[in-house]
């Protein structure tokens, strides 16, 4: 009985362990992936793109006259898109952007003019003029400048330096369509004085500037969403057993508890059967012992002497020894009882 009790305790512990492991055995539903955030593309409603157009400017009439005079005995050349038509130089192919809200921006032209004189000592290059519009309505002429001093050494090499300030008759109105300014007064800036070898002072008048270009302003549009293509989530593979089984039932503790009950039942059955077998053997041994005692108590007739020889009477036999199978269980059942007590 003690062994049965110990096995019952083991089975109870196994069943409790299975119940504690039940949360781990329950099926977990797959997480649903979060929807992808659409990619948002914003279209600017304040940008005006510059296209086409031209710029006409004679630089300074007195400077041109000096270059072609017998004193300097020089001239000029145009290249990279610039041209000359008496008495002005011209550039084409305007590009750039203007902010329609503030009117600020730049209009760029391409082309190069090279002035020479005094046998190469005078060498002045003007290239790629740019009209810069400010938010306050003013405008400035920027240009790439490179020139020598009176000794023929390089004195100025500036990229997009401020050469002249432009007095616009009215601020720029940035809207889709053509923009044109004619004969805009220009004055030499302080930064532009070294380009002419300091022969002119800041504020001196330069030739008027005429320019035109086309504006293409983007219309205000709502943000457009471009959803990204996302692959469909893969469905988990399920077996036939998983399809038929309820994912919420804790099968692991049920199986462990059932196995423990089966082990206890088998052990108890074996112990009970062994005890019954020992009891039957003991009862059989006691019956055989009592029978032998009766045989031993009953006196047997003395054998008669015939001719001085003792012999047993006819029909008298010594008690037979019981067969081995009918003997008391003895040591085997005692060992069984000892094992049962343990």
C-alpha atoms as a PDB file:
ATOM      1  CA  UNK A   1       0.000   0.000   0.000  1.00  0.00           C
ATOM      2  CA  UNK A   2       2.899   2.356   0.694  1.00  0.00           C
ATOM      3  CA  UNK A   3       4.192   1.859  -2.835  1.00  0.00           C
ATOM      4  CA  UNK A   4       0.737   2.595  -4.238  1.00  0.00           C
ATOM      5  CA  UNK A   5       0.608   5.831  -2.221  1.00  0.00           C
ATOM      6  CA  UNK A   6       4.056   6.906  -3.442  1.00  0.00           C
ATOM      7  CA  UNK A   7       3.081   6.268  -7.067  1.00  0.00           C
ATOM      8  CA  UNK A   8      -0.081   8.311  -6.541  1.00  0.00           C
ATOM      9  CA  UNK A   9       2.014  11.233  -5.269  1.00  0.00           C
ATOM     10  CA  UNK A  10       4.257  10.998  -8.372  1.00  0.00           C
ATOM     11  CA  UNK A  11       1.225  10.944 -10.650  1.00  0.00           C
ATOM     12  CA  UNK A  12      -0.243  14.002  -8.896  1.00  0.00           C
ATOM     13  CA  UNK A  13       3.035  15.907  -9.310  1.00  0.00           C
ATOM     14  CA  UNK A  14       3.155  15.024 -13.028  1.00  0.00           C
ATOM     15  CA  UNK A  15      -0.437  16.191 -13.459  1.00  0.00           C
ATOM     16  CA  UNK A  16       0.327  19.523 -11.710  1.00  0.00           C
ATOM     17  CA  UNK A  17       3.376  20.067 -13.936  1.00  0.00           C
ATOM     18  CA  UNK A  18       1.238  19.497 -17.021  1.00  0.00           C
ATOM     19  CA  UNK A  19      -1.323  22.018 -15.810  1.00  0.00           C
ATOM     20  CA  UNK A  20       1.394  24.615 -15.264  1.00  0.00           C
ATOM     21  CA  UNK A  21       2.713  24.002 -18.789  1.00  0.00           C
ATOM     22  CA  UNK A  22      -0.761  24.467 -20.286  1.00  0.00           C
ATOM     23  CA  UNK A  23      -0.234  28.120 -21.310  1.00  0.00           C
ATOM     24  CA  UNK A  24       2.844  27.124 -23.312  1.00  0.00           C
ATOM     25  CA  UNK A  25       0.877  24.400 -25.087  1.00  0.00           C
ATOM     26  CA  UNK A  26      -1.936  26.664 -26.226  1.00  0.00           C
ATOM     27  CA  UNK A  27      -1.769  27.859 -29.794  1.00  0.00           C
ATOM     28  CA  UNK A  28      -0.761  31.489 -30.393  1.00  0.00           C
ATOM     29  CA  UNK A  29      -2.550  33.298 -33.169  1.00  0.00           C
ATOM     30  CA  UNK A  30      -0.159  34.805 -35.763  1.00  0.00           C
ATOM     31  CA  UNK A  31       0.278  38.569 -35.534  1.00  0.00           C
ATOM     32  CA  UNK A  32      -1.311  40.603 -38.284  1.00  0.00           C
ATOM     33  CA  UNK A  33       1.345  42.760 -40.000  1.00  0.00           C
ATOM     34  CA  UNK A  34       0.807  46.504 -39.673  1.00  0.00           C
ATOM     35  CA  UNK A  35      -0.322  48.176 -42.907  1.00  0.00           C
ATOM     36  CA  UNK A  36       2.465  49.858 -44.851  1.00  0.00           C
ATOM     37  CA  UNK A  37       2.612  53.654 -44.613  1.00  0.00           C
ATOM     38  CA  UNK A  38       1.930  55.134 -48.060  1.00  0.00           C
ATOM     39  CA  UNK A  39       4.723  57.160 -49.616  1.00  0.00           C
ATOM     40  CA  UNK A  40       3.582  60.814 -49.835  1.00  0.00           C
ATOM     41  CA  UNK A  41       4.879  63.011 -52.648  1.00  0.00           C
ATOM     42  CA  UNK A  42       4.314  66.747 -52.261  1.00  0.00           C
ATOM     43  CA  UNK A  43       4.154  69.001 -55.298  1.00  0.00           C
ATOM     44  CA  UNK A  44       5.474  72.509 -54.685  1.00  0.00           C
ATOM     45  CA  UNK A  45       2.989  75.326 -55.343  1.00  0.00           C
ATOM     46  CA  UNK A  46       5.524  78.190 -55.035  1.00  0.00           C
ATOM     47  CA  UNK A  47       8.101  77.337 -57.714  1.00  0.00           C
ATOM     48  CA  UNK A  48       8.185  78.986 -61.129  1.00  0.00           C
ATOM     49  CA  UNK A  49      10.511  77.490 -63.711  1.00  0.00           C
ATOM     50  CA  UNK A  50      12.397  79.812 -66.078  1.00  0.00           C
ATOM     51  CA  UNK A  51      12.733  78.916 -69.748  1.00  0.00           C
ATOM     52  CA  UNK A  52      13.672  80.673 -73.011  1.00  0.00           C
ATOM     53  CA  UNK A  53      14.498  84.351 -72.970  1.00  0.00           C
ATOM     54  CA  UNK A  54      17.543  86.509 -73.711  1.00  0.00           C
ATOM     55  CA  UNK A  55      19.729  89.271 -72.251  1.00  0.00           C
ATOM     56  CA  UNK A  56      21.050  92.292 -74.192  1.00  0.00           C
ATOM     57  CA  UNK A  57      23.759  94.494 -72.656  1.00  0.00           C
ATOM     58  CA  UNK A  58      26.551  96.657 -74.083  1.00  0.00           C
ATOM     59  CA  UNK A  59      28.654  96.592 -70.839  1.00  0.00           C
ATOM     60  CA  UNK A  60      29.821 100.255 -71.106  1.00  0.00           C
ATOM     61  CA  UNK A  61      30.017 102.330 -74.265  1.00  0.00           C
ATOM     62  CA  UNK A  62      33.117 104.275 -73.177  1.00  0.00           C
ATOM     63  CA  UNK A  63      34.909 101.001 -72.354  1.00  0.00           C
ATOM     64  CA  UNK A  64      34.178  99.597 -75.787  1.00  0.00           C
ATOM     65  CA  UNK A  65      35.427 102.801 -77.412  1.00  0.00           C
ATOM     66  CA  UNK A  66      38.661 102.613 -75.435  1.00  0.00           C
ATOM     67  CA  UNK A  67      39.266  98.970 -76.461  1.00  0.00           C
ATOM     68  CA  UNK A  68      38.877  99.787 -80.166  1.00  0.00           C
ATOM     69  CA  UNK A  69      40.845 103.042 -80.008  1.00  0.00           C
ATOM     70  CA  UNK A  70      44.379 103.426 -81.246  1.00  0.00           C
ATOM     71  CA  UNK A  71      45.525 103.630 -77.644  1.00  0.00           C
ATOM     72  CA  UNK A  72      44.554 100.090 -76.648  1.00  0.00           C
ATOM     73  CA  UNK A  73      44.453  98.806 -80.202  1.00  0.00           C
ATOM     74  CA  UNK A  74      42.343  95.831 -79.035  1.00  0.00           C
ATOM     75  CA  UNK A  75      39.021  94.122 -79.621  1.00  0.00           C
ATOM     76  CA  UNK A  76      36.690  91.394 -78.239  1.00  0.00           C
ATOM     77  CA  UNK A  77      35.518  87.911 -79.037  1.00  0.00           C
ATOM     78  CA  UNK A  78      32.293  86.098 -78.126  1.00  0.00           C
ATOM     79  CA  UNK A  79      31.918  82.344 -77.485  1.00  0.00           C
ATOM     80  CA  UNK A  80      29.914  79.638 -75.669  1.00  0.00           C
ATOM     81  CA  UNK A  81      26.531  81.004 -76.768  1.00  0.00           C
ATOM     82  CA  UNK A  82      27.178  84.744 -76.495  1.00  0.00           C
ATOM     83  CA  UNK A  83      26.821  87.059 -79.515  1.00  0.00           C
ATOM     84  CA  UNK A  84      27.420  90.626 -80.561  1.00  0.00           C
ATOM     85  CA  UNK A  85      25.260  92.926 -82.597  1.00  0.00           C
ATOM     86  CA  UNK A  86      26.319  96.559 -82.614  1.00  0.00           C
ATOM     87  CA  UNK A  87      26.286  98.121 -80.153  1.00  0.00           C
ATOM     88  CA  UNK A  88      25.350  95.360 -77.628  1.00  0.00           C
ATOM     89  CA  UNK A  89      26.268  91.840 -76.605  1.00  0.00           C
ATOM     90  CA  UNK A  90      23.562  89.240 -76.198  1.00  0.00           C
ATOM     91  CA  UNK A  91      23.064  85.961 -74.359  1.00  0.00           C
ATOM     92  CA  UNK A  92      20.285  83.365 -74.791  1.00  0.00           C
ATOM     93  CA  UNK A  93      19.029  80.137 -73.217  1.00  0.00           C
ATOM     94  CA  UNK A  94      17.769  81.409 -69.866  1.00  0.00           C
ATOM     95  CA  UNK A  95      17.273  78.912 -67.002  1.00  0.00           C
ATOM     96  CA  UNK A  96      16.487  79.176 -63.302  1.00  0.00           C
ATOM     97  CA  UNK A  97      13.648  79.336 -60.753  1.00  0.00           C
ATOM     98  CA  UNK A  98      11.552  82.082 -59.200  1.00  0.00           C
ATOM     99  CA  UNK A  99       9.516  81.840 -56.002  1.00  0.00           C
ATOM    100  CA  UNK A 100       5.980  82.904 -56.894  1.00  0.00           C
ATOM    101  CA  UNK A 101       5.206  83.902 -53.282  1.00  0.00           C
ATOM    102  CA  UNK A 102       8.182  86.235 -52.717  1.00  0.00           C
ATOM    103  CA  UNK A 103       9.413  86.948 -56.260  1.00  0.00           C
ATOM    104  CA  UNK A 104      12.969  85.952 -55.272  1.00  0.00           C
ATOM    105  CA  UNK A 105      15.082  83.845 -57.597  1.00  0.00           C
ATOM    106  CA  UNK A 106      17.707  83.808 -60.316  1.00  0.00           C
ATOM    107  CA  UNK A 107      17.726  83.783 -64.118  1.00  0.00           C
ATOM    108  CA  UNK A 108      20.947  82.425 -65.629  1.00  0.00           C
ATOM    109  CA  UNK A 109      22.356  82.953 -69.144  1.00  0.00           C
ATOM    110  CA  UNK A 110      25.389  81.298 -70.779  1.00  0.00           C
ATOM    111  CA  UNK A 111      28.091  82.799 -73.012  1.00  0.00           C
ATOM    112  CA  UNK A 112      31.534  84.383 -72.792  1.00  0.00           C
ATOM    113  CA  UNK A 113      33.032  87.744 -73.927  1.00  0.00           C
ATOM    114  CA  UNK A 114      36.836  88.256 -73.989  1.00  0.00           C
ATOM    115  CA  UNK A 115      38.259  91.794 -74.217  1.00  0.00           C
ATOM    116  CA  UNK A 116      41.944  92.269 -75.180  1.00  0.00           C
ATOM    117  CA  UNK A 117      44.240  95.262 -75.734  1.00  0.00           C
ATOM    118  CA  UNK A 118      47.729  96.705 -75.282  1.00  0.00           C
ATOM    119  CA  UNK A 119      49.296  93.672 -76.872  1.00  0.00           C
ATOM    120  CA  UNK A 120      47.727  91.217 -74.394  1.00  0.00           C
ATOM    121  CA  UNK A 121      48.399  93.136 -71.185  1.00  0.00           C
ATOM    122  CA  UNK A 122      44.729  94.041 -71.023  1.00  0.00           C
ATOM    123  CA  UNK A 123      42.813  90.782 -70.840  1.00  0.00           C
ATOM    124  CA  UNK A 124      39.288  90.777 -69.392  1.00  0.00           C
ATOM    125  CA  UNK A 125      36.759  87.912 -69.530  1.00  0.00           C
ATOM    126  CA  UNK A 126      33.041  88.229 -68.690  1.00  0.00           C
ATOM    127  CA  UNK A 127      30.940  85.067 -68.783  1.00  0.00           C
ATOM    128  CA  UNK A 128      27.571  83.614 -67.757  1.00  0.00           C
ATOM    129  CA  UNK A 129      25.628  86.669 -66.555  1.00  0.00           C
ATOM    130  CA  UNK A 130      22.856  86.107 -63.990  1.00  0.00           C
ATOM    131  CA  UNK A 131      19.950  88.345 -62.953  1.00  0.00           C
ATOM    132  CA  UNK A 132      19.219  87.910 -59.233  1.00  0.00           C
ATOM    133  CA  UNK A 133      15.834  89.079 -57.903  1.00  0.00           C
ATOM    134  CA  UNK A 134      15.500  89.829 -54.176  1.00  0.00           C
ATOM    135  CA  UNK A 135      12.353  89.707 -52.033  1.00  0.00           C
ATOM    136  CA  UNK A 136      12.406  93.492 -51.639  1.00  0.00           C
ATOM    137  CA  UNK A 137      11.969  93.942 -55.418  1.00  0.00           C
ATOM    138  CA  UNK A 138      15.563  94.878 -56.223  1.00  0.00           C
ATOM    139  CA  UNK A 139      17.777  93.123 -58.783  1.00  0.00           C
ATOM    140  CA  UNK A 140      21.519  92.613 -59.261  1.00  0.00           C
ATOM    141  CA  UNK A 141      23.672  91.568 -62.239  1.00  0.00           C
ATOM    142  CA  UNK A 142      26.132  88.787 -61.371  1.00  0.00           C
ATOM    143  CA  UNK A 143      28.868  87.616 -63.732  1.00  0.00           C
ATOM    144  CA  UNK A 144      32.049  85.509 -63.849  1.00  0.00           C
ATOM    145  CA  UNK A 145      34.981  87.944 -64.140  1.00  0.00           C
ATOM    146  CA  UNK A 146      38.687  87.462 -64.763  1.00  0.00           C
ATOM    147  CA  UNK A 147      41.063  90.380 -65.585  1.00  0.00           C
ATOM    148  CA  UNK A 148      44.695  91.550 -65.370  1.00  0.00           C
ATOM    149  CA  UNK A 149      46.215  94.598 -63.798  1.00  0.00           C
ATOM    150  CA  UNK A 150      48.207  97.238 -65.750  1.00  0.00           C
ATOM    151  CA  UNK A 151      51.296  95.004 -65.591  1.00  0.00           C
ATOM    152  CA  UNK A 152      49.533  92.043 -67.195  1.00  0.00           C
ATOM    153  CA  UNK A 153      49.288  89.992 -63.997  1.00  0.00           C
ATOM    154  CA  UNK A 154      46.050  88.295 -63.018  1.00  0.00           C
ATOM    155  CA  UNK A 155      44.249  90.568 -60.555  1.00  0.00           C
ATOM    156  CA  UNK A 156      40.613  89.381 -60.481  1.00  0.00           C
ATOM    157  CA  UNK A 157      39.155  85.889 -60.806  1.00  0.00           C
ATOM    158  CA  UNK A 158      35.614  85.806 -59.396  1.00  0.00           C
ATOM    159  CA  UNK A 159      32.733  83.407 -59.987  1.00  0.00           C
ATOM    160  CA  UNK A 160      29.290  85.056 -60.040  1.00  0.00           C
ATOM    161  CA  UNK A 161      30.448  88.283 -58.441  1.00  0.00           C
ATOM    162  CA  UNK A 162      28.140  91.300 -58.103  1.00  0.00           C
ATOM    163  CA  UNK A 163      29.020  93.607 -60.997  1.00  0.00           C
ATOM    164  CA  UNK A 164      26.055  95.996 -61.294  1.00  0.00           C
ATOM    165  CA  UNK A 165      22.854  96.917 -59.478  1.00  0.00           C
ATOM    166  CA  UNK A 166      19.689  97.143 -61.580  1.00  0.00           C
ATOM    167  CA  UNK A 167      16.966  99.696 -60.951  1.00  0.00           C
ATOM    168  CA  UNK A 168      13.814  97.794 -61.904  1.00  0.00           C
ATOM    169  CA  UNK A 169      10.813  99.990 -62.744  1.00  0.00           C
ATOM    170  CA  UNK A 170       8.574  97.568 -60.816  1.00  0.00           C
ATOM    171  CA  UNK A 171       9.052  94.419 -58.713  1.00  0.00           C
ATOM    172  CA  UNK A 172       8.890  91.112 -60.467  1.00  0.00           C
ATOM    173  CA  UNK A 173       5.445  89.514 -60.535  1.00  0.00           C
ATOM    174  CA  UNK A 174       6.048  85.790 -60.639  1.00  0.00           C
ATOM    175  CA  UNK A 175       3.225  84.246 -62.621  1.00  0.00           C
ATOM    176  CA  UNK A 176       2.960  81.916 -65.534  1.00  0.00           C
ATOM    177  CA  UNK A 177       3.711  83.793 -68.734  1.00  0.00           C
ATOM    178  CA  UNK A 178       6.365  86.076 -70.308  1.00  0.00           C
ATOM    179  CA  UNK A 179       8.450  88.522 -68.255  1.00  0.00           C
ATOM    180  CA  UNK A 180      10.223  91.418 -69.949  1.00  0.00           C
ATOM    181  CA  UNK A 181      12.288  94.424 -68.780  1.00  0.00           C
ATOM    182  CA  UNK A 182      13.767  96.924 -71.255  1.00  0.00           C
ATOM    183  CA  UNK A 183      16.568  99.475 -70.778  1.00  0.00           C
ATOM    184  CA  UNK A 184      16.923  98.888 -67.033  1.00  0.00           C
ATOM    185  CA  UNK A 185      19.503 101.367 -65.611  1.00  0.00           C
ATOM    186  CA  UNK A 186      22.654  99.651 -64.275  1.00  0.00           C
ATOM    187  CA  UNK A 187      25.295 101.054 -61.895  1.00  0.00           C
ATOM    188  CA  UNK A 188      28.749  99.640 -61.073  1.00  0.00           C
ATOM    189  CA  UNK A 189      28.977  98.105 -57.604  1.00  0.00           C
ATOM    190  CA  UNK A 190      31.886  98.369 -55.188  1.00  0.00           C
ATOM    191  CA  UNK A 191      32.654  94.667 -55.790  1.00  0.00           C
ATOM    192  CA  UNK A 192      32.771  95.283 -59.559  1.00  0.00           C
ATOM    193  CA  UNK A 193      35.343  98.104 -59.521  1.00  0.00           C
ATOM    194  CA  UNK A 194      38.437  95.799 -59.636  1.00  0.00           C
ATOM    195  CA  UNK A 195      37.122  94.095 -62.754  1.00  0.00           C
ATOM    196  CA  UNK A 196      37.719  97.292 -64.761  1.00  0.00           C
ATOM    197  CA  UNK A 197      41.164  97.873 -63.275  1.00  0.00           C
ATOM    198  CA  UNK A 198      39.793 100.641 -61.004  1.00  0.00           C
ATOM    199  CA  UNK A 199      39.302 102.937 -64.022  1.00  0.00           C
ATOM    200  CA  UNK A 200      35.662 103.412 -62.917  1.00  0.00           C
ATOM    201  CA  UNK A 201      34.214 104.145 -59.510  1.00  0.00           C
ATOM    202  CA  UNK A 202      31.311 102.507 -57.708  1.00  0.00           C
ATOM    203  CA  UNK A 203      28.013 104.031 -58.799  1.00  0.00           C
ATOM    204  CA  UNK A 204      29.219 104.896 -62.309  1.00  0.00           C
ATOM    205  CA  UNK A 205      26.570 104.186 -64.907  1.00  0.00           C
ATOM    206  CA  UNK A 206      26.920 101.151 -67.139  1.00  0.00           C
ATOM    207  CA  UNK A 207      24.925 100.480 -70.258  1.00  0.00           C
ATOM    208  CA  UNK A 208      21.239  99.719 -69.624  1.00  0.00           C
ATOM    209  CA  UNK A 209      20.176  96.074 -69.515  1.00  0.00           C
ATOM    210  CA  UNK A 210      17.313  94.516 -71.435  1.00  0.00           C
ATOM    211  CA  UNK A 211      16.162  90.963 -70.649  1.00  0.00           C
ATOM    212  CA  UNK A 212      13.151  88.705 -71.032  1.00  0.00           C
ATOM    213  CA  UNK A 213      12.185  85.114 -70.174  1.00  0.00           C
ATOM    214  CA  UNK A 214       9.211  82.771 -69.741  1.00  0.00           C
ATOM    215  CA  UNK A 215       7.822  81.584 -66.385  1.00  0.00           C
ATOM    216  CA  UNK A 216       5.949  78.350 -65.801  1.00  0.00           C
ATOM    217  CA  UNK A 217       4.546  78.343 -62.258  1.00  0.00           C
ATOM    218  CA  UNK A 218       3.245  75.100 -60.749  1.00  0.00           C
ATOM    219  CA  UNK A 219      -0.398  75.188 -59.685  1.00  0.00           C
ATOM    220  CA  UNK A 220      -1.323  74.303 -56.112  1.00  0.00           C
ATOM    221  CA  UNK A 221      -2.151  70.642 -55.923  1.00  0.00           C
ATOM    222  CA  UNK A 222      -3.065  68.414 -53.040  1.00  0.00           C
ATOM    223  CA  UNK A 223      -0.505  65.906 -51.821  1.00  0.00           C
ATOM    224  CA  UNK A 224      -0.602  62.711 -53.814  1.00  0.00           C
ATOM    225  CA  UNK A 225      -0.200  59.361 -52.138  1.00  0.00           C
ATOM    226  CA  UNK A 226       1.728  56.637 -53.845  1.00  0.00           C
ATOM    227  CA  UNK A 227       1.022  53.448 -51.912  1.00  0.00           C
ATOM    228  CA  UNK A 228       3.863  50.983 -51.899  1.00  0.00           C
ATOM    229  CA  UNK A 229       3.104  47.497 -53.009  1.00  0.00           C
ATOM    230  CA  UNK A 230       3.368  45.099 -50.110  1.00  0.00           C
ATOM    231  CA  UNK A 231       3.464  41.345 -50.418  1.00  0.00           C
ATOM    232  CA  UNK A 232       0.508  39.479 -48.917  1.00  0.00           C
ATOM    233  CA  UNK A 233       1.359  37.849 -45.574  1.00  0.00           C
ATOM    234  CA  UNK A 234       2.136  34.175 -45.880  1.00  0.00           C
ATOM    235  CA  UNK A 235      -0.400  31.871 -44.260  1.00  0.00           C
ATOM    236  CA  UNK A 236       1.122  29.386 -41.796  1.00  0.00           C
ATOM    237  CA  UNK A 237       1.113  25.787 -42.927  1.00  0.00           C
ATOM    238  CA  UNK A 238      -1.302  23.620 -40.964  1.00  0.00           C
ATOM    239  CA  UNK A 239      -1.382  19.839 -40.732  1.00  0.00           C
ATOM    240  CA  UNK A 240      -4.512  17.713 -40.728  1.00  0.00           C
ATOM    241  CA  UNK A 241      -4.129  17.178 -36.979  1.00  0.00           C
ATOM    242  CA  UNK A 242      -3.954  20.922 -36.295  1.00  0.00           C
ATOM    243  CA  UNK A 243      -7.032  21.531 -38.453  1.00  0.00           C
ATOM    244  CA  UNK A 244      -9.142  19.046 -36.500  1.00  0.00           C
ATOM    245  CA  UNK A 245      -7.771  19.875 -33.045  1.00  0.00           C
ATOM    246  CA  UNK A 246      -9.078  22.780 -31.011  1.00  0.00           C
ATOM    247  CA  UNK A 247      -6.138  25.188 -30.506  1.00  0.00           C
ATOM    248  CA  UNK A 248      -7.569  26.209 -27.124  1.00  0.00           C
ATOM    249  CA  UNK A 249      -7.487  22.712 -25.510  1.00  0.00           C
ATOM    250  CA  UNK A 250      -4.350  22.050 -23.375  1.00  0.00           C
ATOM    251  CA  UNK A 251      -3.461  18.648 -24.781  1.00  0.00           C
ATOM    252  CA  UNK A 252      -0.045  18.398 -23.128  1.00  0.00           C
ATOM    253  CA  UNK A 253      -1.269  18.218 -19.479  1.00  0.00           C
ATOM    254  CA  UNK A 254      -4.092  15.831 -20.441  1.00  0.00           C
ATOM    255  CA  UNK A 255      -1.626  13.423 -22.051  1.00  0.00           C
ATOM    256  CA  UNK A 256       0.785  13.621 -19.078  1.00  0.00           C
ATOM    257  CA  UNK A 257      -2.032  13.050 -16.560  1.00  0.00           C
ATOM    258  CA  UNK A 258      -3.415  10.104 -18.532  1.00  0.00           C
ATOM    259  CA  UNK A 259       0.021   8.466 -18.727  1.00  0.00           C
ATOM    260  CA  UNK A 260       0.470   8.896 -14.952  1.00  0.00           C
ATOM    261  CA  UNK A 261      -2.923   7.287 -14.236  1.00  0.00           C
ATOM    262  CA  UNK A 262      -2.064   4.328 -16.486  1.00  0.00           C
ATOM    263  CA  UNK A 263       1.277   3.824 -14.690  1.00  0.00           C
ATOM    264  CA  UNK A 264      -0.423   3.875 -11.265  1.00  0.00           C
ATOM    265  CA  UNK A 265      -3.121   1.436 -12.386  1.00  0.00           C
ATOM    266  CA  UNK A 266      -0.616  -1.041 -13.823  1.00  0.00           C
ATOM    267  CA  UNK A 267       1.595  -0.920 -10.704  1.00  0.00           C
ATOM    268  CA  UNK A 268      -1.390  -1.343  -8.380  1.00  0.00           C
ATOM    269  CA  UNK A 269      -2.682  -4.281 -10.418  1.00  0.00           C
ATOM    270  CA  UNK A 270       0.695  -6.029 -10.277  1.00  0.00           C
ATOM    271  CA  UNK A 271       0.997  -5.566  -6.504  1.00  0.00           C
ATOM    272  CA  UNK A 272      -2.550  -6.772  -5.814  1.00  0.00           C
ATOM    273  CA  UNK A 273      -2.116  -9.824  -8.044  1.00  0.00           C
ATOM    274  CA  UNK A 274       1.163 -10.720  -6.295  1.00  0.00           C
ATOM    275  CA  UNK A 275      -0.406 -10.445  -2.837  1.00  0.00           C
ATOM    276  CA  UNK A 276      -3.362 -12.658  -3.853  1.00  0.00           C
ATOM    277  CA  UNK A 277      -0.985 -15.279  -5.225  1.00  0.00           C
ATOM    278  CA  UNK A 278       0.990 -15.318  -1.971  1.00  0.00           C
ATOM    279  CA  UNK A 279      -2.214 -15.641   0.088  1.00  0.00           C
ATOM    280  CA  UNK A 280      -3.329 -18.661  -1.947  1.00  0.00           C
ATOM    281  CA  UNK A 281       0.046 -20.324  -1.476  1.00  0.00           C
ATOM    282  CA  UNK A 282      -0.009 -19.695   2.277  1.00  0.00           C
ATOM    283  CA  UNK A 283      -3.512 -21.150   2.621  1.00  0.00           C
ATOM    284  CA  UNK A 284      -2.488 -24.210   0.604  1.00  0.00           C
ATOM    285  CA  UNK A 285       0.623 -24.635   2.753  1.00  0.00           C
ATOM    286  CA  UNK A 286      -1.425 -24.453   5.956  1.00  0.00           C
ATOM    287  CA  UNK A 287      -3.860 -27.128   4.713  1.00  0.00           C
ATOM    288  CA  UNK A 288      -1.000 -29.422   3.744  1.00  0.00           C
ATOM    289  CA  UNK A 289       0.669 -28.844   7.120  1.00  0.00           C
ATOM    290  CA  UNK A 290      -2.472 -29.773   9.028  1.00  0.00           C
ATOM    291  CA  UNK A 291      -2.860 -32.904   6.921  1.00  0.00           C
ATOM    292  CA  UNK A 292       0.722 -33.972   7.682  1.00  0.00           C
ATOM    293  CA  UNK A 293       0.137 -33.367  11.374  1.00  0.00           C
ATOM    294  CA  UNK A 294      -2.906 -35.699  11.356  1.00  0.00           C
ATOM    295  CA  UNK A 295      -0.924 -38.367   9.567  1.00  0.00           C
ATOM    296  CA  UNK A 296       1.916 -38.073  12.072  1.00  0.00           C
ATOM    297  CA  UNK A 297      -0.406 -38.304  15.114  1.00  0.00           C
ATOM    298  CA  UNK A 298      -2.228 -41.466  13.907  1.00  0.00           C
ATOM    299  CA  UNK A 299      -0.214 -44.570  15.170  1.00  0.00           C
ATOM    300  CA  UNK A 300       0.729 -47.070  12.560  1.00  0.00           C
ATOM    301  CA  UNK A 301       0.385 -50.817  13.352  1.00  0.00           C
ATOM    302  CA  UNK A 302       3.543 -52.522  14.466  1.00  0.00           C
ATOM    303  CA  UNK A 303       4.846 -54.854  11.884  1.00  0.00           C
ATOM    304  CA  UNK A 304       4.662 -58.520  12.839  1.00  0.00           C
ATOM    305  CA  UNK A 305       7.696 -60.687  13.135  1.00  0.00           C
ATOM    306  CA  UNK A 306       7.826 -63.670  10.979  1.00  0.00           C
ATOM    307  CA  UNK A 307      10.721 -65.923  11.423  1.00  0.00           C
ATOM    308  CA  UNK A 308      12.544 -63.246  13.344  1.00  0.00           C
ATOM    309  CA  UNK A 309      11.976 -60.695  10.478  1.00  0.00           C
ATOM    310  CA  UNK A 310       9.846 -57.598  11.073  1.00  0.00           C
ATOM    311  CA  UNK A 311       7.656 -56.646   8.201  1.00  0.00           C
ATOM    312  CA  UNK A 312       4.725 -54.350   7.567  1.00  0.00           C
ATOM    313  CA  UNK A 313       1.278 -55.785   7.291  1.00  0.00           C
ATOM    314  CA  UNK A 314      -0.168 -56.054   3.847  1.00  0.00           C
ATOM    315  CA  UNK A 315      -1.832 -52.850   2.750  1.00  0.00           C
ATOM    316  CA  UNK A 316       0.223 -50.697   5.140  1.00  0.00           C
ATOM    317  CA  UNK A 317       2.410 -48.031   3.492  1.00  0.00           C
ATOM    318  CA  UNK A 318       4.538 -45.207   4.813  1.00  0.00           C
ATOM    319  CA  UNK A 319       3.018 -41.754   4.369  1.00  0.00           C
ATOM    320  CA  UNK A 320       3.842 -40.328   1.001  1.00  0.00           C
ATOM    321  CA  UNK A 321       5.899 -37.098   0.818  1.00  0.00           C
ATOM    322  CA  UNK A 322       3.848 -34.275  -0.596  1.00  0.00           C
ATOM    323  CA  UNK A 323       4.828 -33.109  -4.106  1.00  0.00           C
ATOM    324  CA  UNK A 324       7.104 -30.074  -4.483  1.00  0.00           C
ATOM    325  CA  UNK A 325       4.317 -27.969  -5.921  1.00  0.00           C
ATOM    326  CA  UNK A 326       2.144 -28.604  -2.814  1.00  0.00           C
ATOM    327  CA  UNK A 327       4.807 -27.573  -0.326  1.00  0.00           C
ATOM    328  CA  UNK A 328       4.342 -24.317   1.581  1.00  0.00           C
ATOM    329  CA  UNK A 329       5.542 -21.257  -0.317  1.00  0.00           C
ATOM    330  CA  UNK A 330       8.105 -20.648   2.394  1.00  0.00           C
ATOM    331  CA  UNK A 331      10.963 -18.289   1.341  1.00  0.00           C
ATOM    332  CA  UNK A 332       9.435 -17.060  -1.930  1.00  0.00           C
ATOM    333  CA  UNK A 333       6.302 -15.562  -0.359  1.00  0.00           C
ATOM    334  CA  UNK A 334       8.332 -14.178   2.531  1.00  0.00           C
ATOM    335  CA  UNK A 335      10.502 -12.328  -0.005  1.00  0.00           C
ATOM    336  CA  UNK A 336       7.382 -11.110  -1.741  1.00  0.00           C
ATOM    337  CA  UNK A 337       5.992  -9.826   1.559  1.00  0.00           C
ATOM    338  CA  UNK A 338       9.251  -8.080   2.333  1.00  0.00           C
ATOM    339  CA  UNK A 339       9.228  -6.406  -1.110  1.00  0.00           C
ATOM    340  CA  UNK A 340       5.590  -5.400  -0.605  1.00  0.00           C
ATOM    341  CA  UNK A 341       6.419  -3.826   2.764  1.00  0.00           C
ATOM    342  CA  UNK A 342       9.281  -1.827   1.128  1.00  0.00           C
END
